[in-house]
């Protein structure tokens, strides 16, 4: 069964994805932006898996959902490390 909050989260995520696509040329100026965008896309995939597991392949999609969240978190942590390391190296 699908929870309404899962669908709302997914719809908000689609809105953010549209924002990313529309503003891609500006977002790519961020340091290591591709890693940050990849982190969000993997997170969005996890939200998709959350909804799909209500219909079929519950165990497999639940595993895929949680792996997506873990991978997204690792990518975000890598991005933060890269950004803060670059800013630390730039200081006198």
Protein backbone atom coordinates (compact mmCIF):
# COMPACT_ATOMS: atom_id res chain seq x y z
CA UNK A 1 0.00 0.00 0.00
CA UNK A 2 1.18 3.49 -0.82
CA UNK A 3 1.37 6.19 1.81
CA UNK A 4 0.21 9.63 0.70
CA UNK A 5 3.34 11.26 2.12
CA UNK A 6 5.51 9.06 -0.13
CA UNK A 7 3.66 10.29 -3.21
CA UNK A 8 3.92 13.92 -2.08
CA UNK A 9 7.66 13.50 -1.45
CA UNK A 10 8.06 12.02 -4.92
CA UNK A 11 6.10 14.86 -6.54
CA UNK A 12 8.21 17.46 -4.74
CA UNK A 13 11.30 15.57 -5.91
CA UNK A 14 10.07 15.73 -9.51
CA UNK A 15 9.62 19.48 -9.06
CA UNK A 16 13.20 19.77 -7.83
CA UNK A 17 14.41 17.66 -10.75
CA UNK A 18 12.65 20.02 -13.17
CA UNK A 19 14.33 22.95 -11.39
CA UNK A 20 17.71 21.23 -11.77
CA UNK A 21 17.14 20.63 -15.47
CA UNK A 22 15.97 24.18 -16.13
CA UNK A 23 18.87 25.72 -14.18
CA UNK A 24 21.54 23.17 -15.12
CA UNK A 25 23.85 25.74 -16.72
CA UNK A 26 23.97 27.73 -13.47
CA UNK A 27 24.13 24.71 -11.16
CA UNK A 28 27.05 23.19 -13.02
CA UNK A 29 29.12 26.19 -11.86
CA UNK A 30 29.08 24.80 -8.31
CA UNK A 31 32.22 22.93 -7.32
CA UNK A 32 31.87 19.23 -8.19
CA UNK A 33 28.25 19.83 -9.18
CA UNK A 34 27.88 16.53 -11.02
CA UNK A 35 28.39 14.59 -7.78
CA UNK A 36 25.78 16.71 -6.01
CA UNK A 37 23.27 16.26 -8.85
CA UNK A 38 23.98 12.53 -8.97
CA UNK A 39 23.30 12.34 -5.23
CA UNK A 40 19.89 13.92 -5.74
CA UNK A 41 19.07 11.65 -8.69
CA UNK A 42 19.90 8.54 -6.65
CA UNK A 43 17.74 9.90 -3.82
CA UNK A 44 14.89 10.41 -6.29
CA UNK A 45 15.33 6.82 -7.46
CA UNK A 46 14.93 5.72 -3.84
CA UNK A 47 11.64 7.61 -3.65
CA UNK A 48 10.49 5.89 -6.85
CA UNK A 49 11.40 2.49 -5.37
CA UNK A 50 9.39 3.38 -2.25
CA UNK A 51 6.25 3.88 -4.31
CA UNK A 52 6.81 0.88 -6.57
CA UNK A 53 7.32 -1.51 -3.66
CA UNK A 54 3.67 -0.96 -2.79
CA UNK A 55 2.71 -2.71 -6.02
CA UNK A 56 5.19 -5.53 -6.60
CA UNK A 57 8.60 -7.01 -5.65
CA UNK A 58 8.32 -5.65 -2.12
CA UNK A 59 11.56 -7.12 -0.76
CA UNK A 60 13.72 -6.36 -3.78
CA UNK A 61 12.47 -2.80 -4.17
CA UNK A 62 12.78 -2.19 -0.43
CA UNK A 63 16.43 -3.25 -0.65
CA UNK A 64 16.91 -1.02 -3.73
CA UNK A 65 15.28 1.88 -1.87
CA UNK A 66 17.60 1.61 1.12
CA UNK A 67 20.67 1.09 -1.07
CA UNK A 68 19.69 4.24 -2.98
CA UNK A 69 19.47 6.21 0.25
CA UNK A 70 22.88 4.91 1.35
CA UNK A 71 24.53 5.66 -2.00
CA UNK A 72 22.96 9.12 -2.08
CA UNK A 73 24.30 9.82 1.41
CA UNK A 74 27.79 8.68 0.45
CA UNK A 75 27.75 10.84 -2.68
CA UNK A 76 26.61 13.84 -0.66
CA UNK A 77 29.33 13.23 1.92
CA UNK A 78 31.95 12.98 -0.85
CA UNK A 79 30.67 16.22 -2.36
CA UNK A 80 30.83 18.00 1.01
CA UNK A 81 34.36 16.76 1.60
CA UNK A 82 35.48 17.90 -1.85
CA UNK A 83 33.89 21.33 -1.47
CA UNK A 84 35.18 22.00 2.02
CA UNK A 85 38.63 20.66 1.23
CA UNK A 86 38.87 22.99 -1.79
CA UNK A 87 37.73 25.98 0.26
CA UNK A 88 40.22 25.11 3.02
CA UNK A 89 43.06 24.87 0.49
CA UNK A 90 42.12 28.27 -0.99
CA UNK A 91 42.54 30.09 2.35
CA UNK A 92 45.95 31.72 3.03
